[in-house]
Amino acid sequence: MSRPPFPGPPQTANRSTWRRPVLLFSLFLTAIAAALAVTAISATQLTERNTAQRLLAAATRSLLEVDRFVEGAWPVLERKAPEGAPITLVGFPIGLQIDPTLVEEGPESVSTEVVAATASLVYDDGFEVLADSPQAFRFLSRGAAFDGSVGRLTRGGHSIATIALIVTGMLAILLAMSVAAQARGLSRFAAPALAISVGAAVVWIAGSLLQSSLSGRAETTLDPFISDLWWIAVDALDILLRNSAIVALTAGALVGASGLAGLLLRTFDPVERA
């Protein structure tokens, strides 16, 4: 009776059976995080662009209001200018005194001085000046002169932004290292390089998003968006596609460079060739 053939060493499970699901899950999480980051950044950029356009229009309206105010007060200014004393603008929301020599240069010079003095007061003293008169708040909030002190509202959020940035960076680096460790074909040099590159890119994206969202006061009402809804939608699609292309090209370049580095290292490393 012949003996059965020797079965040989026990077969071990292929490592790819557990590596592949983890790799796919890590890539899925990375794609979701990138999509959320691109969407958030695009929304922030759209809000900032629309707010800048509204500030420009509001500044134009405010300058026209100043011109109309100076034009209405011009007879009084001409009557008081020969006295040589500073002229107080009666009826203006903020108490300003005009140099009588400016009256000789014409209404345009007086309007320019009023706008410059108003912007200087609001920027230097902030809301303390505006709190003296509700009319001043209503008048100046429609113009760029008010824009100088808006950033004071967000000073308390920098500590929260710093903590969130640190936590986001740590999670991004850990996720990138997980993806790099599970990806097959990456060498000992390419895996850490990919982890550091992707982690730094995500940290930069998070930092840019936090900085842009905390640098000013974003508008939350939908009223100004209704009239230009179609143009805003086209603008939003353009920004979204451009940001997606930037992220995709950056990620492709990082992965391609890491793969090339791993290929070169395996080519010239005798241990890898063995």
C-alpha atoms as a PDB file:
ATOM      1  CA  MET A   1       0.000   0.000   0.000  1.00  0.00           C
ATOM      2  CA  SER A   2       1.547   3.217  -1.159  1.00  0.00           C
ATOM      3  CA  ARG A   3       1.792   6.155   1.154  1.00  0.00           C
ATOM      4  CA  PRO A   4      -0.042   9.351   0.199  1.00  0.00           C
ATOM      5  CA  PRO A   5       2.128  12.161  -1.082  1.00  0.00           C
ATOM      6  CA  PHE A   6       3.550  14.547   1.462  1.00  0.00           C
ATOM      7  CA  PRO A   7       1.129  17.452   1.709  1.00  0.00           C
ATOM      8  CA  GLY A   8       3.916  19.990   2.088  1.00  0.00           C
ATOM      9  CA  PRO A   9       3.907  23.065   4.263  1.00  0.00           C
ATOM     10  CA  PRO A  10       0.552  24.515   5.284  1.00  0.00           C
ATOM     11  CA  GLN A  11      -0.787  27.140   2.936  1.00  0.00           C
ATOM     12  CA  THR A  12      -0.907  30.644   4.373  1.00  0.00           C
ATOM     13  CA  ALA A  13      -3.617  33.086   3.534  1.00  0.00           C
ATOM     14  CA  ASN A  14      -2.761  35.689   0.981  1.00  0.00           C
ATOM     15  CA  ARG A  15      -2.099  39.026   2.578  1.00  0.00           C
ATOM     16  CA  SER A  16      -3.992  40.753  -0.180  1.00  0.00           C
ATOM     17  CA  THR A  17      -7.251  39.223   1.113  1.00  0.00           C
ATOM     18  CA  TRP A  18      -7.160  41.627   4.078  1.00  0.00           C
ATOM     19  CA  ARG A  19      -5.051  44.371   2.600  1.00  0.00           C
ATOM     20  CA  ARG A  20      -7.386  45.123  -0.276  1.00  0.00           C
ATOM     21  CA  PRO A  21     -10.539  45.898   1.788  1.00  0.00           C
ATOM     22  CA  VAL A  22      -8.556  48.124   4.145  1.00  0.00           C
ATOM     23  CA  LEU A  23      -6.967  49.899   1.194  1.00  0.00           C
ATOM     24  CA  LEU A  24     -10.315  50.456  -0.515  1.00  0.00           C
ATOM     25  CA  PHE A  25     -11.881  51.696   2.711  1.00  0.00           C
ATOM     26  CA  SER A  26      -8.987  54.102   3.305  1.00  0.00           C
ATOM     27  CA  LEU A  27      -9.205  55.401  -0.252  1.00  0.00           C
ATOM     28  CA  PHE A  28     -12.966  55.831   0.151  1.00  0.00           C
ATOM     29  CA  LEU A  29     -12.489  57.881   3.327  1.00  0.00           C
ATOM     30  CA  THR A  30      -9.808  59.963   1.631  1.00  0.00           C
ATOM     31  CA  ALA A  31     -12.072  60.645  -1.357  1.00  0.00           C
ATOM     32  CA  ILE A  32     -14.960  61.652   0.917  1.00  0.00           C
ATOM     33  CA  ALA A  33     -12.699  63.981   2.919  1.00  0.00           C
ATOM     34  CA  ALA A  34     -11.318  65.549  -0.269  1.00  0.00           C
ATOM     35  CA  ALA A  35     -14.828  66.042  -1.694  1.00  0.00           C
ATOM     36  CA  LEU A  36     -16.024  67.710   1.507  1.00  0.00           C
ATOM     37  CA  ALA A  37     -12.945  69.948   1.602  1.00  0.00           C
ATOM     38  CA  VAL A  38     -13.382  70.976  -2.042  1.00  0.00           C
ATOM     39  CA  THR A  39     -17.082  71.720  -1.503  1.00  0.00           C
ATOM     40  CA  ALA A  40     -16.451  73.737   1.657  1.00  0.00           C
ATOM     41  CA  ILE A  41     -13.623  75.734   0.093  1.00  0.00           C
ATOM     42  CA  SER A  42     -15.697  76.411  -3.027  1.00  0.00           C
ATOM     43  CA  ALA A  43     -18.641  77.617  -0.938  1.00  0.00           C
ATOM     44  CA  THR A  44     -16.355  79.885   1.075  1.00  0.00           C
ATOM     45  CA  GLN A  45     -14.776  81.338  -2.063  1.00  0.00           C
ATOM     46  CA  LEU A  46     -18.202  81.911  -3.616  1.00  0.00           C
ATOM     47  CA  THR A  47     -19.417  83.685  -0.479  1.00  0.00           C
ATOM     48  CA  GLU A  48     -16.296  85.834  -0.333  1.00  0.00           C
ATOM     49  CA  ARG A  49     -16.544  86.763  -4.015  1.00  0.00           C
ATOM     50  CA  ASN A  50     -20.230  87.640  -3.738  1.00  0.00           C
ATOM     51  CA  THR A  51     -19.581  89.594  -0.542  1.00  0.00           C
ATOM     52  CA  ALA A  52     -16.768  91.519  -2.239  1.00  0.00           C
ATOM     53  CA  GLN A  53     -19.069  92.391  -5.139  1.00  0.00           C
ATOM     54  CA  ARG A  54     -21.744  93.554  -2.712  1.00  0.00           C
ATOM     55  CA  LEU A  55     -19.211  95.627  -0.757  1.00  0.00           C
ATOM     56  CA  LEU A  56     -18.118  97.288  -3.987  1.00  0.00           C
ATOM     57  CA  ALA A  57     -21.709  98.140  -4.880  1.00  0.00           C
ATOM     58  CA  ALA A  58     -22.396  99.298  -1.324  1.00  0.00           C
ATOM     59  CA  ALA A  59     -19.304 101.483  -1.328  1.00  0.00           C
ATOM     60  CA  THR A  60     -20.471 103.090  -4.562  1.00  0.00           C
ATOM     61  CA  ARG A  61     -23.883 103.790  -3.034  1.00  0.00           C
ATOM     62  CA  SER A  62     -22.265 105.251   0.078  1.00  0.00           C
ATOM     63  CA  LEU A  63     -20.025 107.521  -1.989  1.00  0.00           C
ATOM     64  CA  LEU A  64     -23.075 108.734  -3.897  1.00  0.00           C
ATOM     65  CA  GLU A  65     -24.844 109.394  -0.606  1.00  0.00           C
ATOM     66  CA  VAL A  66     -21.859 111.393   0.645  1.00  0.00           C
ATOM     67  CA  ASP A  67     -21.829 113.387  -2.597  1.00  0.00           C
ATOM     68  CA  ARG A  68     -25.539 114.125  -2.265  1.00  0.00           C
ATOM     69  CA  PHE A  69     -25.104 115.105   1.391  1.00  0.00           C
ATOM     70  CA  VAL A  70     -22.242 117.490   0.568  1.00  0.00           C
ATOM     71  CA  GLU A  71     -24.220 118.916  -2.334  1.00  0.00           C
ATOM     72  CA  GLY A  72     -27.165 119.618  -0.033  1.00  0.00           C
ATOM     73  CA  ALA A  73     -24.937 121.194   2.617  1.00  0.00           C
ATOM     74  CA  TRP A  74     -22.862 123.159   0.118  1.00  0.00           C
ATOM     75  CA  PRO A  75     -24.631 126.542   0.607  1.00  0.00           C
ATOM     76  CA  VAL A  76     -23.954 126.346   4.355  1.00  0.00           C
ATOM     77  CA  LEU A  77     -20.323 125.380   3.751  1.00  0.00           C
ATOM     78  CA  GLU A  78     -19.793 128.309   1.385  1.00  0.00           C
ATOM     79  CA  ARG A  79     -21.365 130.706   3.883  1.00  0.00           C
ATOM     80  CA  LYS A  80     -19.193 129.526   6.812  1.00  0.00           C
ATOM     81  CA  ALA A  81     -15.917 129.078   4.907  1.00  0.00           C
ATOM     82  CA  PRO A  82     -14.858 132.763   5.048  1.00  0.00           C
ATOM     83  CA  GLU A  83     -14.933 132.646   8.850  1.00  0.00           C
ATOM     84  CA  GLY A  84     -11.769 130.501   8.812  1.00  0.00           C
ATOM     85  CA  ALA A  85     -12.916 128.148  11.590  1.00  0.00           C
ATOM     86  CA  PRO A  86     -13.433 124.404  11.098  1.00  0.00           C
ATOM     87  CA  ILE A  87     -16.904 123.707   9.763  1.00  0.00           C
ATOM     88  CA  THR A  88     -19.064 121.103  11.485  1.00  0.00           C
ATOM     89  CA  LEU A  89     -21.269 119.045   9.194  1.00  0.00           C
ATOM     90  CA  VAL A  90     -24.751 119.478  10.637  1.00  0.00           C
ATOM     91  CA  GLY A  91     -26.961 116.449  10.180  1.00  0.00           C
ATOM     92  CA  PHE A  92     -24.155 114.018   9.363  1.00  0.00           C
ATOM     93  CA  PRO A  93     -24.377 110.772  11.403  1.00  0.00           C
ATOM     94  CA  ILE A  94     -20.884 111.292  12.848  1.00  0.00           C
ATOM     95  CA  GLY A  95     -19.581 114.640  14.004  1.00  0.00           C
ATOM     96  CA  LEU A  96     -16.940 115.755  11.514  1.00  0.00           C
ATOM     97  CA  GLN A  97     -15.209 119.076  11.072  1.00  0.00           C
ATOM     98  CA  ILE A  98     -14.115 120.188   7.612  1.00  0.00           C
ATOM     99  CA  ASP A  99     -11.154 122.422   6.881  1.00  0.00           C
ATOM    100  CA  PRO A 100     -12.544 125.614   5.294  1.00  0.00           C
ATOM    101  CA  THR A 101      -9.742 125.628   2.723  1.00  0.00           C
ATOM    102  CA  LEU A 102     -11.271 122.506   1.161  1.00  0.00           C
ATOM    103  CA  VAL A 103     -14.396 124.466   0.295  1.00  0.00           C
ATOM    104  CA  GLU A 104     -12.339 126.555  -2.110  1.00  0.00           C
ATOM    105  CA  GLU A 105     -11.353 123.370  -3.988  1.00  0.00           C
ATOM    106  CA  GLY A 106     -14.939 122.355  -4.638  1.00  0.00           C
ATOM    107  CA  PRO A 107     -17.505 119.736  -3.526  1.00  0.00           C
ATOM    108  CA  GLU A 108     -15.407 116.810  -4.763  1.00  0.00           C
ATOM    109  CA  SER A 109     -12.562 117.618  -2.367  1.00  0.00           C
ATOM    110  CA  VAL A 110     -14.991 117.962   0.532  1.00  0.00           C
ATOM    111  CA  SER A 111     -16.614 114.606  -0.305  1.00  0.00           C
ATOM    112  CA  THR A 112     -13.205 112.927  -0.455  1.00  0.00           C
ATOM    113  CA  GLU A 113     -12.260 114.372   2.920  1.00  0.00           C
ATOM    114  CA  VAL A 114     -15.564 113.264   4.465  1.00  0.00           C
ATOM    115  CA  VAL A 115     -15.094 109.691   3.230  1.00  0.00           C
ATOM    116  CA  ALA A 116     -11.454 109.547   4.395  1.00  0.00           C
ATOM    117  CA  ALA A 117     -12.260 110.987   7.828  1.00  0.00           C
ATOM    118  CA  THR A 118     -15.226 108.653   8.280  1.00  0.00           C
ATOM    119  CA  ALA A 119     -13.196 105.588   7.328  1.00  0.00           C
ATOM    120  CA  SER A 120     -10.413 106.662   9.702  1.00  0.00           C
ATOM    121  CA  LEU A 121     -12.843 107.096  12.604  1.00  0.00           C
ATOM    122  CA  VAL A 122     -14.492 103.737  12.038  1.00  0.00           C
ATOM    123  CA  TYR A 123     -11.185 101.908  11.600  1.00  0.00           C
ATOM    124  CA  ASP A 124      -9.525 103.473  14.658  1.00  0.00           C
ATOM    125  CA  ASP A 125     -12.402 103.507  17.138  1.00  0.00           C
ATOM    126  CA  GLY A 126     -14.486 100.654  15.789  1.00  0.00           C
ATOM    127  CA  PHE A 127     -17.995 100.151  17.083  1.00  0.00           C
ATOM    128  CA  GLU A 128     -17.566 102.727  19.855  1.00  0.00           C
ATOM    129  CA  VAL A 129     -18.111 105.433  17.242  1.00  0.00           C
ATOM    130  CA  LEU A 130     -21.017 103.643  15.601  1.00  0.00           C
ATOM    131  CA  ALA A 131     -22.734 103.001  18.929  1.00  0.00           C
ATOM    132  CA  ASP A 132     -23.256 106.749  19.408  1.00  0.00           C
ATOM    133  CA  SER A 133     -25.784 106.943  16.609  1.00  0.00           C
ATOM    134  CA  PRO A 134     -28.017 104.309  14.985  1.00  0.00           C
ATOM    135  CA  GLN A 135     -27.992 106.490  11.872  1.00  0.00           C
ATOM    136  CA  ALA A 136     -24.228 106.208  11.712  1.00  0.00           C
ATOM    137  CA  PHE A 137     -24.422 102.419  11.841  1.00  0.00           C
ATOM    138  CA  ARG A 138     -27.060 102.338   9.101  1.00  0.00           C
ATOM    139  CA  PHE A 139     -25.218 104.867   6.971  1.00  0.00           C
ATOM    140  CA  LEU A 140     -21.723 103.431   7.221  1.00  0.00           C
ATOM    141  CA  SER A 141     -22.654  99.743   7.154  1.00  0.00           C
ATOM    142  CA  ARG A 142     -23.552 100.191   3.493  1.00  0.00           C
ATOM    143  CA  GLY A 143     -20.053 101.241   2.532  1.00  0.00           C
ATOM    144  CA  ALA A 144     -16.471 100.099   2.470  1.00  0.00           C
ATOM    145  CA  ALA A 145     -15.661 102.495   5.324  1.00  0.00           C
ATOM    146  CA  PHE A 146     -17.342 100.002   7.653  1.00  0.00           C
ATOM    147  CA  ASP A 147     -15.300  97.117   6.271  1.00  0.00           C
ATOM    148  CA  GLY A 148     -12.195  98.093   8.244  1.00  0.00           C
ATOM    149  CA  SER A 149     -13.685  97.131  11.605  1.00  0.00           C
ATOM    150  CA  VAL A 150     -15.642  94.029  10.602  1.00  0.00           C
ATOM    151  CA  GLY A 151     -12.656  91.777  11.284  1.00  0.00           C
ATOM    152  CA  ARG A 152     -12.769  92.710  14.970  1.00  0.00           C
ATOM    153  CA  LEU A 153     -15.790  90.430  15.378  1.00  0.00           C
ATOM    154  CA  THR A 154     -13.763  87.254  14.829  1.00  0.00           C
ATOM    155  CA  ARG A 155     -10.817  87.769  17.165  1.00  0.00           C
ATOM    156  CA  GLY A 156     -12.164  85.264  19.684  1.00  0.00           C
ATOM    157  CA  GLY A 157     -12.233  82.425  17.165  1.00  0.00           C
ATOM    158  CA  HIS A 158      -8.508  82.072  16.551  1.00  0.00           C
ATOM    159  CA  SER A 159      -7.929  79.697  19.490  1.00  0.00           C
ATOM    160  CA  ILE A 160     -10.701  77.394  18.297  1.00  0.00           C
ATOM    161  CA  ALA A 161      -9.316  77.537  14.766  1.00  0.00           C
ATOM    162  CA  THR A 162      -5.838  76.623  16.009  1.00  0.00           C
ATOM    163  CA  ILE A 163      -7.099  73.580  17.931  1.00  0.00           C
ATOM    164  CA  ALA A 164      -9.234  72.453  14.992  1.00  0.00           C
ATOM    165  CA  LEU A 165      -6.279  72.849  12.632  1.00  0.00           C
ATOM    166  CA  ILE A 166      -4.017  70.707  14.843  1.00  0.00           C
ATOM    167  CA  VAL A 167      -6.637  67.957  15.197  1.00  0.00           C
ATOM    168  CA  THR A 168      -7.395  68.006  11.464  1.00  0.00           C
ATOM    169  CA  GLY A 169      -3.705  67.777  10.615  1.00  0.00           C
ATOM    170  CA  MET A 170      -3.151  64.809  12.923  1.00  0.00           C
ATOM    171  CA  LEU A 171      -6.126  62.924  11.485  1.00  0.00           C
ATOM    172  CA  ALA A 172      -5.042  63.709   7.931  1.00  0.00           C
ATOM    173  CA  ILE A 173      -1.508  62.453   8.497  1.00  0.00           C
ATOM    174  CA  LEU A 174      -2.767  59.262  10.174  1.00  0.00           C
ATOM    175  CA  LEU A 175      -5.188  58.601   7.318  1.00  0.00           C
ATOM    176  CA  ALA A 176      -2.494  59.214   4.720  1.00  0.00           C
ATOM    177  CA  MET A 177      -0.084  56.885   6.524  1.00  0.00           C
ATOM    178  CA  SER A 178      -2.781  54.197   6.630  1.00  0.00           C
ATOM    179  CA  VAL A 179      -3.344  54.492   2.893  1.00  0.00           C
ATOM    180  CA  ALA A 180       0.389  54.460   2.183  1.00  0.00           C
ATOM    181  CA  ALA A 181       0.982  51.430   4.408  1.00  0.00           C
ATOM    182  CA  GLN A 182      -1.740  49.401   2.710  1.00  0.00           C
ATOM    183  CA  ALA A 183      -0.884  50.390  -0.866  1.00  0.00           C
ATOM    184  CA  ARG A 184       1.095  47.688  -2.592  1.00  0.00           C
ATOM    185  CA  GLY A 185       4.204  48.561  -4.578  1.00  0.00           C
ATOM    186  CA  LEU A 186       5.226  51.479  -2.381  1.00  0.00           C
ATOM    187  CA  SER A 187       8.758  51.256  -1.066  1.00  0.00           C
ATOM    188  CA  ARG A 188      10.119  52.166   2.341  1.00  0.00           C
ATOM    189  CA  PHE A 189      10.920  55.627   0.983  1.00  0.00           C
ATOM    190  CA  ALA A 190       7.730  56.268  -0.974  1.00  0.00           C
ATOM    191  CA  ALA A 191       5.278  55.376   1.805  1.00  0.00           C
ATOM    192  CA  PRO A 192       6.480  58.015   4.315  1.00  0.00           C
ATOM    193  CA  ALA A 193       6.872  60.561   1.505  1.00  0.00           C
ATOM    194  CA  LEU A 194       3.294  60.001   0.376  1.00  0.00           C
ATOM    195  CA  ALA A 195       2.037  60.196   3.951  1.00  0.00           C
ATOM    196  CA  ILE A 196       3.840  63.471   4.641  1.00  0.00           C
ATOM    197  CA  SER A 197       2.823  65.018   1.311  1.00  0.00           C
ATOM    198  CA  VAL A 198      -0.856  64.132   1.559  1.00  0.00           C
ATOM    199  CA  GLY A 199      -0.965  65.093   5.231  1.00  0.00           C
ATOM    200  CA  ALA A 200       0.636  68.468   4.526  1.00  0.00           C
ATOM    201  CA  ALA A 201      -1.758  69.082   1.627  1.00  0.00           C
ATOM    202  CA  VAL A 202      -4.805  68.349   3.778  1.00  0.00           C
ATOM    203  CA  VAL A 203      -3.451  70.544   6.589  1.00  0.00           C
ATOM    204  CA  TRP A 204      -2.939  73.364   4.085  1.00  0.00           C
ATOM    205  CA  ILE A 205      -6.494  72.947   2.769  1.00  0.00           C
ATOM    206  CA  ALA A 206      -7.932  72.986   6.293  1.00  0.00           C
ATOM    207  CA  GLY A 207      -5.836  76.008   7.239  1.00  0.00           C
ATOM    208  CA  SER A 208      -6.928  77.932   4.144  1.00  0.00           C
ATOM    209  CA  LEU A 209     -10.563  77.109   4.832  1.00  0.00           C
ATOM    210  CA  LEU A 210     -10.366  78.182   8.473  1.00  0.00           C
ATOM    211  CA  GLN A 211      -8.472  81.348   7.648  1.00  0.00           C
ATOM    212  CA  SER A 212     -10.925  82.393   4.941  1.00  0.00           C
ATOM    213  CA  SER A 213     -13.946  81.610   7.100  1.00  0.00           C
ATOM    214  CA  LEU A 214     -12.578  83.529  10.114  1.00  0.00           C
ATOM    215  CA  SER A 215     -11.053  86.500   8.317  1.00  0.00           C
ATOM    216  CA  GLY A 216     -14.353  88.337   8.045  1.00  0.00           C
ATOM    217  CA  ARG A 217     -18.046  88.137   8.645  1.00  0.00           C
ATOM    218  CA  ALA A 218     -19.763  86.066   5.966  1.00  0.00           C
ATOM    219  CA  GLU A 219     -23.276  86.929   4.873  1.00  0.00           C
ATOM    220  CA  THR A 220     -25.863  84.297   5.753  1.00  0.00           C
ATOM    221  CA  THR A 221     -29.056  85.785   4.326  1.00  0.00           C
ATOM    222  CA  LEU A 222     -30.366  84.646   0.967  1.00  0.00           C
ATOM    223  CA  ASP A 223     -31.996  87.953   0.021  1.00  0.00           C
ATOM    224  CA  PRO A 224     -29.063  89.392  -1.952  1.00  0.00           C
ATOM    225  CA  PHE A 225     -28.601  86.103  -3.809  1.00  0.00           C
ATOM    226  CA  ILE A 226     -32.079  85.882  -5.306  1.00  0.00           C
ATOM    227  CA  SER A 227     -31.682  88.473  -8.057  1.00  0.00           C
ATOM    228  CA  ASP A 228     -28.442  86.985  -9.398  1.00  0.00           C
ATOM    229  CA  LEU A 229     -29.177  83.341  -8.683  1.00  0.00           C
ATOM    230  CA  TRP A 230     -28.346  82.125 -12.208  1.00  0.00           C
ATOM    231  CA  TRP A 231     -24.969  83.895 -12.344  1.00  0.00           C
ATOM    232  CA  ILE A 232     -24.139  82.730  -8.847  1.00  0.00           C
ATOM    233  CA  ALA A 233     -24.912  79.113  -9.842  1.00  0.00           C
ATOM    234  CA  VAL A 234     -22.623  79.371 -12.885  1.00  0.00           C
ATOM    235  CA  ASP A 235     -19.919  80.966 -10.744  1.00  0.00           C
ATOM    236  CA  ALA A 236     -20.274  78.238  -8.116  1.00  0.00           C
ATOM    237  CA  LEU A 237     -19.966  75.481 -10.740  1.00  0.00           C
ATOM    238  CA  ASP A 238     -16.862  77.127 -12.203  1.00  0.00           C
ATOM    239  CA  ILE A 239     -15.211  77.423  -8.780  1.00  0.00           C
ATOM    240  CA  LEU A 240     -16.137  73.842  -7.849  1.00  0.00           C
ATOM    241  CA  LEU A 241     -14.730  72.377 -11.071  1.00  0.00           C
ATOM    242  CA  ARG A 242     -11.542  74.419 -10.814  1.00  0.00           C
ATOM    243  CA  ASN A 243     -10.900  73.397  -7.201  1.00  0.00           C
ATOM    244  CA  SER A 244     -11.657  69.751  -8.015  1.00  0.00           C
ATOM    245  CA  ALA A 245      -9.191  69.831 -10.894  1.00  0.00           C
ATOM    246  CA  ILE A 246      -6.508  71.361  -8.676  1.00  0.00           C
ATOM    247  CA  VAL A 247      -7.004  68.724  -5.976  1.00  0.00           C
ATOM    248  CA  ALA A 248      -7.104  65.875  -8.516  1.00  0.00           C
ATOM    249  CA  LEU A 249      -3.943  67.025 -10.294  1.00  0.00           C
ATOM    250  CA  THR A 250      -2.127  67.529  -6.999  1.00  0.00           C
ATOM    251  CA  ALA A 251      -3.124  64.090  -5.718  1.00  0.00           C
ATOM    252  CA  GLY A 252      -2.166  62.467  -9.023  1.00  0.00           C
ATOM    253  CA  ALA A 253       1.214  64.180  -8.999  1.00  0.00           C
ATOM    254  CA  LEU A 254       1.886  63.073  -5.413  1.00  0.00           C
ATOM    255  CA  VAL A 255       0.923  59.462  -6.094  1.00  0.00           C
ATOM    256  CA  GLY A 256       2.860  59.414  -9.372  1.00  0.00           C
ATOM    257  CA  ALA A 257       5.986  60.862  -7.781  1.00  0.00           C
ATOM    258  CA  SER A 258       5.774  58.419  -4.880  1.00  0.00           C
ATOM    259  CA  GLY A 259       5.290  55.479  -7.235  1.00  0.00           C
ATOM    260  CA  LEU A 260       8.231  56.579  -9.379  1.00  0.00           C
ATOM    261  CA  ALA A 261      10.406  56.950  -6.298  1.00  0.00           C
ATOM    262  CA  GLY A 262       9.416  53.471  -5.159  1.00  0.00           C
ATOM    263  CA  LEU A 263      10.144  52.012  -8.598  1.00  0.00           C
ATOM    264  CA  LEU A 264      13.580  53.610  -8.729  1.00  0.00           C
ATOM    265  CA  LEU A 265      14.377  52.478  -5.212  1.00  0.00           C
ATOM    266  CA  ARG A 266      13.382  48.879  -5.974  1.00  0.00           C
ATOM    267  CA  THR A 267      15.408  48.998  -9.187  1.00  0.00           C
ATOM    268  CA  PHE A 268      18.643  50.042  -7.511  1.00  0.00           C
ATOM    269  CA  ASP A 269      18.126  48.268  -4.180  1.00  0.00           C
ATOM    270  CA  PRO A 270      19.650  44.740  -4.253  1.00  0.00           C
ATOM    271  CA  VAL A 271      17.419  43.611  -1.398  1.00  0.00           C
ATOM    272  CA  GLU A 272      14.307  44.671  -3.277  1.00  0.00           C
ATOM    273  CA  ARG A 273      15.494  42.923  -6.473  1.00  0.00           C
ATOM    274  CA  ALA A 274      16.158  39.726  -4.555  1.00  0.00           C
END
